[in-house]
Amino acid sequence: DAMRSFKAGYIIADDAPNTVADGLKVPLKELTWHFVRNHVTDIL
């Protein structure tokens, strides 16, 4: 969802994604989105 948010230009939040990376299941919020959209080069 962070990669899709980065490409779309606004926050896209998945409610309950399923991944082995259990620490990465939560969505961006307005404060972290501020930093991501202004300073991140890319999300892979």
Full PDB file with SEQRES, HELIX, SHEET, SSBOND, CRYST1, ORIGX, SCALE, CONECT and MASTER records, all heavy atoms in Angstrom:
SEQRES   1 A   44  ASP ALA MET ARG SER PHE LYS ALA GLY TYR ILE ILE ALA          
SEQRES   2 A   44  ASP ASP ALA PRO ASN THR VAL ALA ASP GLY LEU LYS VAL          
SEQRES   3 A   44  PRO LEU LYS GLU LEU THR TRP HIS PHE VAL ARG ASN HIS          
SEQRES   4 A   44  VAL THR ASP ILE LEU                                          
HELIX    1 AA1 ALA A    2  ALA A    8  1                                   7    
HELIX    2 AA2 ASP A   22  LEU A   24  5                                   3    
HELIX    3 AA3 GLU A   30  HIS A   39  1                                  10    
CRYST1    1.000    1.000    1.000  90.00  90.00  90.00 P 1           1          
ORIGX1      1.000000  0.000000  0.000000        0.00000                         
ORIGX2      0.000000  1.000000  0.000000        0.00000                         
ORIGX3      0.000000  0.000000  1.000000        0.00000                         
SCALE1      1.000000  0.000000  0.000000        0.00000                         
SCALE2      0.000000  1.000000  0.000000        0.00000                         
SCALE3      0.000000  0.000000  1.000000        0.00000                         
ATOM      1  N   ASP A   1       0.809  -1.219   0.000  1.00  0.00           N  
ATOM      2  CA  ASP A   1       0.000   0.000   0.000  1.00  0.00           C  
ATOM      3  C   ASP A   1       0.848   1.278   0.000  1.00  0.00           C  
ATOM      4  O   ASP A   1       0.435   2.292  -0.568  1.00  0.00           O  
ATOM      5  CB  ASP A   1      -0.985  -0.001   1.178  1.00  0.00           C  
ATOM      6  CG  ASP A   1      -0.320  -0.297   2.503  1.00  0.00           C  
ATOM      7  OD1 ASP A   1       0.274  -1.384   2.632  1.00  0.00           O  
ATOM      8  OD2 ASP A   1      -0.364   0.542   3.413  1.00  0.00           O  
ATOM      9  N   ALA A   2       2.024   1.247   0.617  1.00  0.00           N  
ATOM     10  CA  ALA A   2       2.885   2.436   0.592  1.00  0.00           C  
ATOM     11  C   ALA A   2       3.388   2.710  -0.823  1.00  0.00           C  
ATOM     12  O   ALA A   2       3.424   3.862  -1.270  1.00  0.00           O  
ATOM     13  CB  ALA A   2       4.061   2.276   1.551  1.00  0.00           C  
ATOM     14  N   MET A   3       3.774   1.656  -1.539  1.00  0.00           N  
ATOM     15  CA  MET A   3       4.221   1.820  -2.930  1.00  0.00           C  
ATOM     16  C   MET A   3       3.090   2.376  -3.791  1.00  0.00           C  
ATOM     17  O   MET A   3       3.292   3.301  -4.586  1.00  0.00           O  
ATOM     18  CB  MET A   3       4.718   0.491  -3.481  1.00  0.00           C  
ATOM     19  CG  MET A   3       5.311   0.578  -4.884  1.00  0.00           C  
ATOM     20  SD  MET A   3       4.082   0.356  -6.190  1.00  0.00           S  
ATOM     21  CE  MET A   3       3.783  -1.405  -6.053  1.00  0.00           C  
ATOM     22  N   ARG A   4       1.884   1.833  -3.620  1.00  0.00           N  
ATOM     23  CA  ARG A   4       0.746   2.320  -4.402  1.00  0.00           C  
ATOM     24  C   ARG A   4       0.384   3.755  -4.014  1.00  0.00           C  
ATOM     25  O   ARG A   4       0.019   4.563  -4.870  1.00  0.00           O  
ATOM     26  CB  ARG A   4      -0.453   1.378  -4.243  1.00  0.00           C  
ATOM     27  CG  ARG A   4      -0.251   0.063  -4.997  1.00  0.00           C  
ATOM     28  CD  ARG A   4      -1.436  -0.878  -4.910  1.00  0.00           C  
ATOM     29  NE  ARG A   4      -1.511  -1.541  -3.612  1.00  0.00           N  
ATOM     30  CZ  ARG A   4      -2.544  -1.456  -2.786  1.00  0.00           C  
ATOM     31  NH1 ARG A   4      -3.615  -0.747  -3.100  1.00  0.00           N  
ATOM     32  NH2 ARG A   4      -2.533  -2.103  -1.636  1.00  0.00           N  
ATOM     33  N   SER A   5       0.507   4.087  -2.729  1.00  0.00           N  
ATOM     34  CA  SER A   5       0.282   5.458  -2.280  1.00  0.00           C  
ATOM     35  C   SER A   5       1.292   6.408  -2.923  1.00  0.00           C  
ATOM     36  O   SER A   5       0.936   7.493  -3.405  1.00  0.00           O  
ATOM     37  CB  SER A   5       0.421   5.546  -0.754  1.00  0.00           C  
ATOM     38  OG  SER A   5      -0.499   4.699  -0.093  1.00  0.00           O  
ATOM     39  N   PHE A   6       2.560   5.974  -2.951  1.00  0.00           N  
ATOM     40  CA  PHE A   6       3.646   6.784  -3.501  1.00  0.00           C  
ATOM     41  C   PHE A   6       3.386   7.099  -4.973  1.00  0.00           C  
ATOM     42  O   PHE A   6       3.583   8.227  -5.425  1.00  0.00           O  
ATOM     43  CB  PHE A   6       4.957   6.005  -3.334  1.00  0.00           C  
ATOM     44  CG  PHE A   6       6.194   6.781  -3.638  1.00  0.00           C  
ATOM     45  CD1 PHE A   6       6.629   7.799  -2.795  1.00  0.00           C  
ATOM     46  CD2 PHE A   6       6.959   6.480  -4.755  1.00  0.00           C  
ATOM     47  CE1 PHE A   6       7.789   8.504  -3.067  1.00  0.00           C  
ATOM     48  CE2 PHE A   6       8.119   7.186  -5.039  1.00  0.00           C  
ATOM     49  CZ  PHE A   6       8.538   8.204  -4.196  1.00  0.00           C  
ATOM     50  N   LYS A   7       2.905   6.106  -5.712  1.00  0.00           N  
ATOM     51  CA  LYS A   7       2.640   6.291  -7.142  1.00  0.00           C  
ATOM     52  C   LYS A   7       1.377   7.130  -7.370  1.00  0.00           C  
ATOM     53  O   LYS A   7       1.300   7.915  -8.322  1.00  0.00           O  
ATOM     54  CB  LYS A   7       2.515   4.940  -7.843  1.00  0.00           C  
ATOM     55  CG  LYS A   7       3.831   4.171  -7.897  1.00  0.00           C  
ATOM     56  CD  LYS A   7       3.731   2.978  -8.821  1.00  0.00           C  
ATOM     57  CE  LYS A   7       5.004   2.139  -8.838  1.00  0.00           C  
ATOM     58  NZ  LYS A   7       6.235   2.909  -8.998  1.00  0.00           N  
ATOM     59  N   ALA A   8       0.378   6.961  -6.495  1.00  0.00           N  
ATOM     60  CA  ALA A   8      -0.900   7.658  -6.675  1.00  0.00           C  
ATOM     61  C   ALA A   8      -0.856   9.104  -6.192  1.00  0.00           C  
ATOM     62  O   ALA A   8      -1.610   9.950  -6.678  1.00  0.00           O  
ATOM     63  CB  ALA A   8      -2.003   6.904  -5.946  1.00  0.00           C  
ATOM     64  N   GLY A   9       0.013   9.373  -5.196  1.00  0.00           N  
ATOM     65  CA  GLY A   9       0.083  10.723  -4.647  1.00  0.00           C  
ATOM     66  C   GLY A   9      -0.838  10.968  -3.477  1.00  0.00           C  
ATOM     67  O   GLY A   9      -1.018  12.110  -3.045  1.00  0.00           O  
ATOM     68  N   TYR A  10      -1.436   9.918  -2.947  1.00  0.00           N  
ATOM     69  CA  TYR A  10      -2.282  10.026  -1.752  1.00  0.00           C  
ATOM     70  C   TYR A  10      -2.264   8.674  -1.035  1.00  0.00           C  
ATOM     71  O   TYR A  10      -1.891   7.653  -1.630  1.00  0.00           O  
ATOM     72  CB  TYR A  10      -3.722  10.420  -2.116  1.00  0.00           C  
ATOM     73  CG  TYR A  10      -4.395   9.489  -3.094  1.00  0.00           C  
ATOM     74  CD1 TYR A  10      -5.094   8.356  -2.665  1.00  0.00           C  
ATOM     75  CD2 TYR A  10      -4.330   9.732  -4.471  1.00  0.00           C  
ATOM     76  CE1 TYR A  10      -5.704   7.499  -3.564  1.00  0.00           C  
ATOM     77  CE2 TYR A  10      -4.929   8.874  -5.378  1.00  0.00           C  
ATOM     78  CZ  TYR A  10      -5.626   7.767  -4.918  1.00  0.00           C  
ATOM     79  OH  TYR A  10      -6.212   6.908  -5.809  1.00  0.00           O  
ATOM     80  N   ILE A  11      -2.646   8.681   0.239  1.00  0.00           N  
ATOM     81  CA  ILE A  11      -2.565   7.459   1.038  1.00  0.00           C  
ATOM     82  C   ILE A  11      -3.605   6.440   0.592  1.00  0.00           C  
ATOM     83  O   ILE A  11      -4.795   6.752   0.500  1.00  0.00           O  
ATOM     84  CB  ILE A  11      -2.755   7.750   2.541  1.00  0.00           C  
ATOM     85  CG1 ILE A  11      -1.594   8.591   3.083  1.00  0.00           C  
ATOM     86  CG2 ILE A  11      -2.852   6.449   3.342  1.00  0.00           C  
ATOM     87  CD1 ILE A  11      -1.760   8.989   4.542  1.00  0.00           C  
ATOM     88  N   ILE A  12      -3.140   5.239   0.310  1.00  0.00           N  
ATOM     89  CA  ILE A  12      -4.000   4.083   0.059  1.00  0.00           C  
ATOM     90  C   ILE A  12      -3.741   3.109   1.199  1.00  0.00           C  
ATOM     91  O   ILE A  12      -2.596   2.710   1.436  1.00  0.00           O  
ATOM     92  CB  ILE A  12      -3.677   3.417  -1.296  1.00  0.00           C  
ATOM     93  CG1 ILE A  12      -3.954   4.400  -2.444  1.00  0.00           C  
ATOM     94  CG2 ILE A  12      -4.454   2.129  -1.466  1.00  0.00           C  
ATOM     95  CD1 ILE A  12      -3.442   3.927  -3.798  1.00  0.00           C  
ATOM     96  N   ALA A  13      -4.779   2.735   1.925  1.00  0.00           N  
ATOM     97  CA  ALA A  13      -4.605   1.885   3.112  1.00  0.00           C  
ATOM     98  C   ALA A  13      -5.291   0.541   2.923  1.00  0.00           C  
ATOM     99  O   ALA A  13      -6.487   0.477   2.631  1.00  0.00           O  
ATOM    100  CB  ALA A  13      -5.170   2.587   4.344  1.00  0.00           C  
ATOM    101  N   ASP A  14      -4.533  -0.547   3.055  1.00  0.00           N  
ATOM    102  CA  ASP A  14      -5.098  -1.894   3.077  1.00  0.00           C  
ATOM    103  C   ASP A  14      -5.445  -2.229   4.520  1.00  0.00           C  
ATOM    104  O   ASP A  14      -4.648  -1.974   5.431  1.00  0.00           O  
ATOM    105  CB  ASP A  14      -4.091  -2.921   2.541  1.00  0.00           C  
ATOM    106  CG  ASP A  14      -3.870  -2.772   1.041  1.00  0.00           C  
ATOM    107  OD1 ASP A  14      -4.740  -2.195   0.379  1.00  0.00           O  
ATOM    108  OD2 ASP A  14      -2.813  -3.225   0.551  1.00  0.00           O  
ATOM    109  N   ASP A  15      -6.599  -2.840   4.740  1.00  0.00           N  
ATOM    110  CA  ASP A  15      -7.035  -3.080   6.107  1.00  0.00           C  
ATOM    111  C   ASP A  15      -6.324  -4.270   6.756  1.00  0.00           C  
ATOM    112  O   ASP A  15      -5.975  -4.226   7.929  1.00  0.00           O  
ATOM    113  CB  ASP A  15      -8.548  -3.292   6.166  1.00  0.00           C  
ATOM    114  CG  ASP A  15      -9.079  -3.188   7.587  1.00  0.00           C  
ATOM    115  OD1 ASP A  15      -8.716  -2.214   8.275  1.00  0.00           O  
ATOM    116  OD2 ASP A  15      -9.836  -4.074   8.009  1.00  0.00           O  
ATOM    117  N   ALA A  16      -6.121  -5.354   6.020  1.00  0.00           N  
ATOM    118  CA  ALA A  16      -5.535  -6.547   6.640  1.00  0.00           C  
ATOM    119  C   ALA A  16      -4.726  -7.349   5.617  1.00  0.00           C  
ATOM    120  O   ALA A  16      -5.095  -8.459   5.237  1.00  0.00           O  
ATOM    121  CB  ALA A  16      -6.634  -7.428   7.237  1.00  0.00           C  
ATOM    122  N   PRO A  17      -3.595  -6.795   5.160  1.00  0.00           N  
ATOM    123  CA  PRO A  17      -2.769  -7.536   4.193  1.00  0.00           C  
ATOM    124  C   PRO A  17      -2.141  -8.777   4.827  1.00  0.00           C  
ATOM    125  O   PRO A  17      -1.983  -8.854   6.044  1.00  0.00           O  
ATOM    126  CB  PRO A  17      -1.693  -6.519   3.804  1.00  0.00           C  
ATOM    127  CG  PRO A  17      -1.619  -5.581   4.963  1.00  0.00           C  
ATOM    128  CD  PRO A  17      -3.005  -5.510   5.523  1.00  0.00           C  
ATOM    129  N   ASN A  18      -1.791  -9.742   3.984  1.00  0.00           N  
ATOM    130  CA  ASN A  18      -1.234 -11.005   4.457  1.00  0.00           C  
ATOM    131  C   ASN A  18       0.192 -11.161   3.938  1.00  0.00           C  
ATOM    132  O   ASN A  18       0.413 -11.290   2.738  1.00  0.00           O  
ATOM    133  CB  ASN A  18      -2.105 -12.173   3.987  1.00  0.00           C  
ATOM    134  CG  ASN A  18      -1.574 -13.518   4.482  1.00  0.00           C  
ATOM    135  OD1 ASN A  18      -0.969 -13.590   5.544  1.00  0.00           O  
ATOM    136  ND2 ASN A  18      -1.793 -14.562   3.707  1.00  0.00           N  
ATOM    137  N   THR A  19       1.172 -11.112   4.836  1.00  0.00           N  
ATOM    138  CA  THR A  19       2.576 -11.251   4.446  1.00  0.00           C  
ATOM    139  C   THR A  19       3.371 -11.852   5.599  1.00  0.00           C  
ATOM    140  O   THR A  19       3.006 -11.683   6.772  1.00  0.00           O  
ATOM    141  CB  THR A  19       3.185  -9.889   4.045  1.00  0.00           C  
ATOM    142  OG1 THR A  19       4.601 -10.045   3.827  1.00  0.00           O  
ATOM    143  CG2 THR A  19       2.970  -8.827   5.114  1.00  0.00           C  
ATOM    144  N   VAL A  20       4.456 -12.531   5.245  1.00  0.00           N  
ATOM    145  CA  VAL A  20       5.362 -13.082   6.258  1.00  0.00           C  
ATOM    146  C   VAL A  20       6.014 -11.964   7.068  1.00  0.00           C  
ATOM    147  O   VAL A  20       6.414 -12.167   8.219  1.00  0.00           O  
ATOM    148  CB  VAL A  20       6.424 -13.982   5.584  1.00  0.00           C  
ATOM    149  CG1 VAL A  20       7.396 -13.160   4.734  1.00  0.00           C  
ATOM    150  CG2 VAL A  20       7.200 -14.795   6.609  1.00  0.00           C  
ATOM    151  N   ALA A  21       6.078 -10.770   6.473  1.00  0.00           N  
ATOM    152  CA  ALA A  21       6.694  -9.608   7.135  1.00  0.00           C  
ATOM    153  C   ALA A  21       5.647  -8.960   8.042  1.00  0.00           C  
ATOM    154  O   ALA A  21       5.057  -7.930   7.721  1.00  0.00           O  
ATOM    155  CB  ALA A  21       7.215  -8.618   6.099  1.00  0.00           C  
ATOM    156  N   ASP A  22       5.435  -9.562   9.209  1.00  0.00           N  
ATOM    157  CA  ASP A  22       4.300  -9.177  10.059  1.00  0.00           C  
ATOM    158  C   ASP A  22       4.405  -7.749  10.589  1.00  0.00           C  
ATOM    159  O   ASP A  22       3.409  -7.150  10.969  1.00  0.00           O  
ATOM    160  CB  ASP A  22       4.137 -10.168  11.215  1.00  0.00           C  
ATOM    161  CG  ASP A  22       5.339 -10.185  12.141  1.00  0.00           C  
ATOM    162  OD1 ASP A  22       6.317 -10.887  11.809  1.00  0.00           O  
ATOM    163  OD2 ASP A  22       5.314  -9.516  13.188  1.00  0.00           O  
ATOM    164  N   GLY A  23       5.589  -7.186  10.616  1.00  0.00           N  
ATOM    165  CA  GLY A  23       5.746  -5.821  11.102  1.00  0.00           C  
ATOM    166  C   GLY A  23       5.392  -4.753  10.085  1.00  0.00           C  
ATOM    167  O   GLY A  23       5.415  -3.567  10.400  1.00  0.00           O  
ATOM    168  N   LEU A  24       5.057  -5.166   8.846  1.00  0.00           N  
ATOM    169  CA  LEU A  24       4.836  -4.194   7.765  1.00  0.00           C  
ATOM    170  C   LEU A  24       3.401  -4.210   7.257  1.00  0.00           C  
ATOM    171  O   LEU A  24       3.139  -3.849   6.112  1.00  0.00           O  
ATOM    172  CB  LEU A  24       5.810  -4.468   6.601  1.00  0.00           C  
ATOM    173  CG  LEU A  24       7.294  -4.509   6.964  1.00  0.00           C  
ATOM    174  CD1 LEU A  24       8.138  -4.757   5.727  1.00  0.00           C  
ATOM    175  CD2 LEU A  24       7.730  -3.227   7.662  1.00  0.00           C  
ATOM    176  N   LYS A  25       2.468  -4.607   8.104  1.00  0.00           N  
ATOM    177  CA  LYS A  25       1.075  -4.741   7.675  1.00  0.00           C  
ATOM    178  C   LYS A  25       0.244  -3.482   7.880  1.00  0.00           C  
ATOM    179  O   LYS A  25      -0.921  -3.443   7.504  1.00  0.00           O  
ATOM    180  CB  LYS A  25       0.412  -5.903   8.427  1.00  0.00           C  
ATOM    181  CG  LYS A  25       0.990  -7.273   8.073  1.00  0.00           C  
ATOM    182  CD  LYS A  25       0.252  -8.367   8.829  1.00  0.00           C  
ATOM    183  CE  LYS A  25       0.770  -9.745   8.463  1.00  0.00           C  
ATOM    184  NZ  LYS A  25       0.009 -10.816   9.149  1.00  0.00           N  
ATOM    185  N   VAL A  26       0.817  -2.454   8.483  1.00  0.00           N  
ATOM    186  CA  VAL A  26       0.041  -1.262   8.820  1.00  0.00           C  
ATOM    187  C   VAL A  26       0.206  -0.186   7.748  1.00  0.00           C  
ATOM    188  O   VAL A  26       1.206  -0.137   7.043  1.00  0.00           O  
ATOM    189  CB  VAL A  26       0.450  -0.719  10.205  1.00  0.00           C  
ATOM    190  CG1 VAL A  26      -0.001  -1.682  11.287  1.00  0.00           C  
ATOM    191  CG2 VAL A  26       1.957  -0.497  10.292  1.00  0.00           C  
ATOM    192  N   PRO A  27      -0.791   0.699   7.608  1.00  0.00           N  
ATOM    193  CA  PRO A  27      -0.751   1.715   6.555  1.00  0.00           C  
ATOM    194  C   PRO A  27      -0.033   2.989   6.986  1.00  0.00           C  
ATOM    195  O   PRO A  27       0.139   3.261   8.176  1.00  0.00           O  
ATOM    196  CB  PRO A  27      -2.242   2.009   6.314  1.00  0.00           C  
ATOM    197  CG  PRO A  27      -2.867   1.819   7.663  1.00  0.00           C  
ATOM    198  CD  PRO A  27      -2.094   0.686   8.316  1.00  0.00           C  
ATOM    199  N   LEU A  28       0.361   3.779   6.009  1.00  0.00           N  
ATOM    200  CA  LEU A  28       0.872   5.123   6.271  1.00  0.00           C  
ATOM    201  C   LEU A  28      -0.208   5.978   6.926  1.00  0.00           C  
ATOM    202  O   LEU A  28      -1.405   5.734   6.738  1.00  0.00           O  
ATOM    203  CB  LEU A  28       1.310   5.787   4.961  1.00  0.00           C  
ATOM    204  CG  LEU A  28       2.473   5.152   4.206  1.00  0.00           C  
ATOM    205  CD1 LEU A  28       2.539   5.724   2.793  1.00  0.00           C  
ATOM    206  CD2 LEU A  28       3.784   5.371   4.932  1.00  0.00           C  
ATOM    207  N   LYS A  29       0.226   6.974   7.693  1.00  0.00           N  
ATOM    208  CA  LYS A  29      -0.684   7.981   8.247  1.00  0.00           C  
ATOM    209  C   LYS A  29      -0.180   9.355   7.805  1.00  0.00           C  
ATOM    210  O   LYS A  29       0.876   9.479   7.184  1.00  0.00           O  
ATOM    211  CB  LYS A  29      -0.731   7.885   9.767  1.00  0.00           C  
ATOM    212  CG  LYS A  29      -1.319   6.580  10.297  1.00  0.00           C  
ATOM    213  CD  LYS A  29      -2.833   6.537  10.148  1.00  0.00           C  
ATOM    214  CE  LYS A  29      -3.418   5.335  10.880  1.00  0.00           C  
ATOM    215  NZ  LYS A  29      -4.891   5.283  10.750  1.00  0.00           N  
ATOM    216  N   GLU A  30      -0.925  10.402   8.159  1.00  0.00           N  
ATOM    217  CA  GLU A  30      -0.643  11.711   7.578  1.00  0.00           C  
ATOM    218  C   GLU A  30       0.763  12.224   7.900  1.00  0.00           C  
ATOM    219  O   GLU A  30       1.411  12.842   7.050  1.00  0.00           O  
ATOM    220  CB  GLU A  30      -1.696  12.739   8.005  1.00  0.00           C  
ATOM    221  CG  GLU A  30      -1.830  12.973   9.499  1.00  0.00           C  
ATOM    222  CD  GLU A  30      -2.809  12.029  10.178  1.00  0.00           C  
ATOM    223  OE1 GLU A  30      -3.281  11.050   9.548  1.00  0.00           O  
ATOM    224  OE2 GLU A  30      -3.100  12.261  11.361  1.00  0.00           O  
ATOM    225  N   LEU A  31       1.275  11.946   9.096  1.00  0.00           N  
ATOM    226  CA  LEU A  31       2.585  12.470   9.463  1.00  0.00           C  
ATOM    227  C   LEU A  31       3.697  11.748   8.714  1.00  0.00           C  
ATOM    228  O   LEU A  31       4.614  12.381   8.171  1.00  0.00           O  
ATOM    229  CB  LEU A  31       2.789  12.357  10.983  1.00  0.00           C  
ATOM    230  CG  LEU A  31       4.008  13.055  11.579  1.00  0.00           C  
ATOM    231  CD1 LEU A  31       4.082  14.522  11.151  1.00  0.00           C  
ATOM    232  CD2 LEU A  31       3.978  12.956  13.106  1.00  0.00           C  
ATOM    233  N   THR A  32       3.624  10.419   8.661  1.00  0.00           N  
ATOM    234  CA  THR A  32       4.656   9.673   7.924  1.00  0.00           C  
ATOM    235  C   THR A  32       4.523   9.915   6.417  1.00  0.00           C  
ATOM    236  O   THR A  32       5.534   9.972   5.704  1.00  0.00           O  
ATOM    237  CB  THR A  32       4.594   8.170   8.238  1.00  0.00           C  
ATOM    238  OG1 THR A  32       3.259   7.681   8.033  1.00  0.00           O  
ATOM    239  CG2 THR A  32       4.998   7.905   9.677  1.00  0.00           C  
ATOM    240  N   TRP A  33       3.306  10.079   5.934  1.00  0.00           N  
ATOM    241  CA  TRP A  33       3.101  10.371   4.514  1.00  0.00           C  
ATOM    242  C   TRP A  33       3.788  11.681   4.128  1.00  0.00           C  
ATOM    243  O   TRP A  33       4.359  11.796   3.040  1.00  0.00           O  
ATOM    244  CB  TRP A  33       1.608  10.422   4.212  1.00  0.00           C  
ATOM    245  CG  TRP A  33       1.232  10.879   2.832  1.00  0.00           C  
ATOM    246  CD1 TRP A  33       0.446  11.937   2.502  1.00  0.00           C  
ATOM    247  CD2 TRP A  33       1.619  10.278   1.575  1.00  0.00           C  
ATOM    248  NE1 TRP A  33       0.321  12.048   1.132  1.00  0.00           N  
ATOM    249  CE2 TRP A  33       1.035  11.038   0.544  1.00  0.00           C  
ATOM    250  CE3 TRP A  33       2.416   9.179   1.250  1.00  0.00           C  
ATOM    251  CZ2 TRP A  33       1.210  10.731  -0.794  1.00  0.00           C  
ATOM    252  CZ3 TRP A  33       2.601   8.872  -0.096  1.00  0.00           C  
ATOM    253  CH2 TRP A  33       2.002   9.635  -1.102  1.00  0.00           C  
ATOM    254  N   HIS A  34       3.765  12.656   5.012  1.00  0.00           N  
ATOM    255  CA  HIS A  34       4.446  13.926   4.746  1.00  0.00           C  
ATOM    256  C   HIS A  34       5.915  13.688   4.400  1.00  0.00           C  
ATOM    257  O   HIS A  34       6.437  14.250   3.422  1.00  0.00           O  
ATOM    258  CB  HIS A  34       4.341  14.835   5.980  1.00  0.00           C  
ATOM    259  CG  HIS A  34       5.330  15.963   5.994  1.00  0.00           C  
ATOM    260  ND1 HIS A  34       5.164  17.116   5.259  1.00  0.00           N  
ATOM    261  CD2 HIS A  34       6.533  16.089   6.633  1.00  0.00           C  
ATOM    262  CE1 HIS A  34       6.211  17.913   5.439  1.00  0.00           C  
ATOM    263  NE2 HIS A  34       7.043  17.311   6.275  1.00  0.00           N  
ATOM    264  N   PHE A  35       6.589  12.859   5.201  1.00  0.00           N  
ATOM    265  CA  PHE A  35       8.014  12.606   4.958  1.00  0.00           C  
ATOM    266  C   PHE A  35       8.233  11.745   3.721  1.00  0.00           C  
ATOM    267  O   PHE A  35       9.126  12.009   2.912  1.00  0.00           O  
ATOM    268  CB  PHE A  35       8.644  11.950   6.183  1.00  0.00           C  
ATOM    269  CG  PHE A  35       8.866  12.897   7.319  1.00  0.00           C  
ATOM    270  CD1 PHE A  35       7.996  12.934   8.401  1.00  0.00           C  
ATOM    271  CD2 PHE A  35       9.935  13.774   7.314  1.00  0.00           C  
ATOM    272  CE1 PHE A  35       8.194  13.820   9.452  1.00  0.00           C  
ATOM    273  CE2 PHE A  35      10.149  14.667   8.358  1.00  0.00           C  
ATOM    274  CZ  PHE A  35       9.265  14.689   9.432  1.00  0.00           C  
ATOM    275  N   VAL A  36       7.411  10.723   3.555  1.00  0.00           N  
ATOM    276  CA  VAL A  36       7.572   9.811   2.417  1.00  0.00           C  
ATOM    277  C   VAL A  36       7.411  10.549   1.092  1.00  0.00           C  
ATOM    278  O   VAL A  36       8.247  10.437   0.184  1.00  0.00           O  
ATOM    279  CB  VAL A  36       6.575   8.638   2.523  1.00  0.00           C  
ATOM    280  CG1 VAL A  36       6.531   7.843   1.225  1.00  0.00           C  
ATOM    281  CG2 VAL A  36       6.944   7.722   3.684  1.00  0.00           C  
ATOM    282  N   ARG A  37       6.337  11.328   0.970  1.00  0.00           N  
ATOM    283  CA  ARG A  37       6.078  11.966  -0.334  1.00  0.00           C  
ATOM    284  C   ARG A  37       7.079  13.078  -0.635  1.00  0.00           C  
ATOM    285  O   ARG A  37       7.322  13.388  -1.812  1.00  0.00           O  
ATOM    286  CB  ARG A  37       4.650  12.479  -0.397  1.00  0.00           C  
ATOM    287  CG  ARG A  37       4.320  13.643   0.510  1.00  0.00           C  
ATOM    288  CD  ARG A  37       2.825  14.001   0.422  1.00  0.00           C  
ATOM    289  NE  ARG A  37       2.454  15.001   1.410  1.00  0.00           N  
ATOM    290  CZ  ARG A  37       2.550  16.308   1.212  1.00  0.00           C  
ATOM    291  NH1 ARG A  37       3.029  16.764   0.058  1.00  0.00           N  
ATOM    292  NH2 ARG A  37       2.178  17.161   2.156  1.00  0.00           N  
ATOM    293  N   ASN A  38       7.678  13.661   0.409  1.00  0.00           N  
ATOM    294  CA  ASN A  38       8.605  14.773   0.180  1.00  0.00           C  
ATOM    295  C   ASN A  38      10.067  14.352   0.031  1.00  0.00           C  
ATOM    296  O   ASN A  38      10.856  15.098  -0.556  1.00  0.00           O  
ATOM    297  CB  ASN A  38       8.488  15.796   1.316  1.00  0.00           C  
ATOM    298  CG  ASN A  38       7.249  16.658   1.186  1.00  0.00           C  
ATOM    299  OD1 ASN A  38       7.051  17.312   0.165  1.00  0.00           O  
ATOM    300  ND2 ASN A  38       6.406  16.649   2.202  1.00  0.00           N  
ATOM    301  N   HIS A  39      10.438  13.189   0.558  1.00  0.00           N  
ATOM    302  CA  HIS A  39      11.867  12.876   0.629  1.00  0.00           C  
ATOM    303  C   HIS A  39      12.278  11.495   0.099  1.00  0.00           C  
ATOM    304  O   HIS A  39      13.478  11.272  -0.109  1.00  0.00           O  
ATOM    305  CB  HIS A  39      12.346  13.002   2.087  1.00  0.00           C  
ATOM    306  CG  HIS A  39      12.185  14.366   2.651  1.00  0.00           C  
ATOM    307  ND1 HIS A  39      12.892  15.469   2.206  1.00  0.00           N  
ATOM    308  CD2 HIS A  39      11.371  14.837   3.638  1.00  0.00           C  
ATOM    309  CE1 HIS A  39      12.532  16.540   2.889  1.00  0.00           C  
ATOM    310  NE2 HIS A  39      11.615  16.188   3.764  1.00  0.00           N  
ATOM    311  N   VAL A  40      11.350  10.577  -0.090  1.00  0.00           N  
ATOM    312  CA  VAL A  40      11.727   9.235  -0.545  1.00  0.00           C  
ATOM    313  C   VAL A  40      11.941   9.225  -2.061  1.00  0.00           C  
ATOM    314  O   VAL A  40      11.151   9.811  -2.812  1.00  0.00           O  
ATOM    315  CB  VAL A  40      10.651   8.207  -0.130  1.00  0.00           C  
ATOM    316  CG1 VAL A  40      10.861   6.875  -0.851  1.00  0.00           C  
ATOM    317  CG2 VAL A  40      10.682   8.000   1.379  1.00  0.00           C  
ATOM    318  N   THR A  41      13.019   8.574  -2.496  1.00  0.00           N  
ATOM    319  CA  THR A  41      13.331   8.478  -3.923  1.00  0.00           C  
ATOM    320  C   THR A  41      12.422   7.477  -4.616  1.00  0.00           C  
ATOM    321  O   THR A  41      11.888   7.735  -5.698  1.00  0.00           O  
ATOM    322  CB  THR A  41      14.804   8.071  -4.124  1.00  0.00           C  
ATOM    323  OG1 THR A  41      15.642   9.076  -3.550  1.00  0.00           O  
ATOM    324  CG2 THR A  41      15.147   7.900  -5.595  1.00  0.00           C  
ATOM    325  N   ASP A  42      12.250   6.299  -3.999  1.00  0.00           N  
ATOM    326  CA  ASP A  42      11.369   5.276  -4.579  1.00  0.00           C  
ATOM    327  C   ASP A  42      11.029   4.241  -3.514  1.00  0.00           C  
ATOM    328  O   ASP A  42      11.743   4.101  -2.506  1.00  0.00           O  
ATOM    329  CB  ASP A  42      12.052   4.576  -5.765  1.00  0.00           C  
ATOM    330  CG  ASP A  42      11.045   3.939  -6.736  1.00  0.00           C  
ATOM    331  OD1 ASP A  42       9.821   4.022  -6.470  1.00  0.00           O  
ATOM    332  OD2 ASP A  42      11.491   3.370  -7.737  1.00  0.00           O  
ATOM    333  N   ILE A  43       9.921   3.527  -3.741  1.00  0.00           N  
ATOM    334  CA  ILE A  43       9.519   2.412  -2.888  1.00  0.00           C  
ATOM    335  C   ILE A  43       9.540   1.145  -3.739  1.00  0.00           C  
ATOM    336  O   ILE A  43       8.875   1.072  -4.780  1.00  0.00           O  
ATOM    337  CB  ILE A  43       8.122   2.625  -2.269  1.00  0.00           C  
ATOM    338  CG1 ILE A  43       8.136   3.885  -1.387  1.00  0.00           C  
ATOM    339  CG2 ILE A  43       7.708   1.409  -1.448  1.00  0.00           C  
ATOM    340  CD1 ILE A  43       6.805   4.212  -0.729  1.00  0.00           C  
ATOM    341  N   LEU A  44      10.331   0.177  -3.301  1.00  0.00           N  
ATOM    342  CA  LEU A  44      10.541  -1.070  -4.042  1.00  0.00           C  
ATOM    343  C   LEU A  44       9.863  -2.222  -3.309  1.00  0.00           C  
ATOM    344  O   LEU A  44       9.713  -2.182  -2.086  1.00  0.00           O  
ATOM    345  CB  LEU A  44      12.038  -1.344  -4.181  1.00  0.00           C  
ATOM    346  CG  LEU A  44      12.875  -0.183  -4.745  1.00  0.00           C  
ATOM    347  CD1 LEU A  44      14.360  -0.510  -4.658  1.00  0.00           C  
ATOM    348  CD2 LEU A  44      12.477   0.130  -6.182  1.00  0.00           C  
TER     349      LEU A  44                                                      
MASTER        0    0    0    3    0    0    0    6  348    1    0    4          
END                                                                             
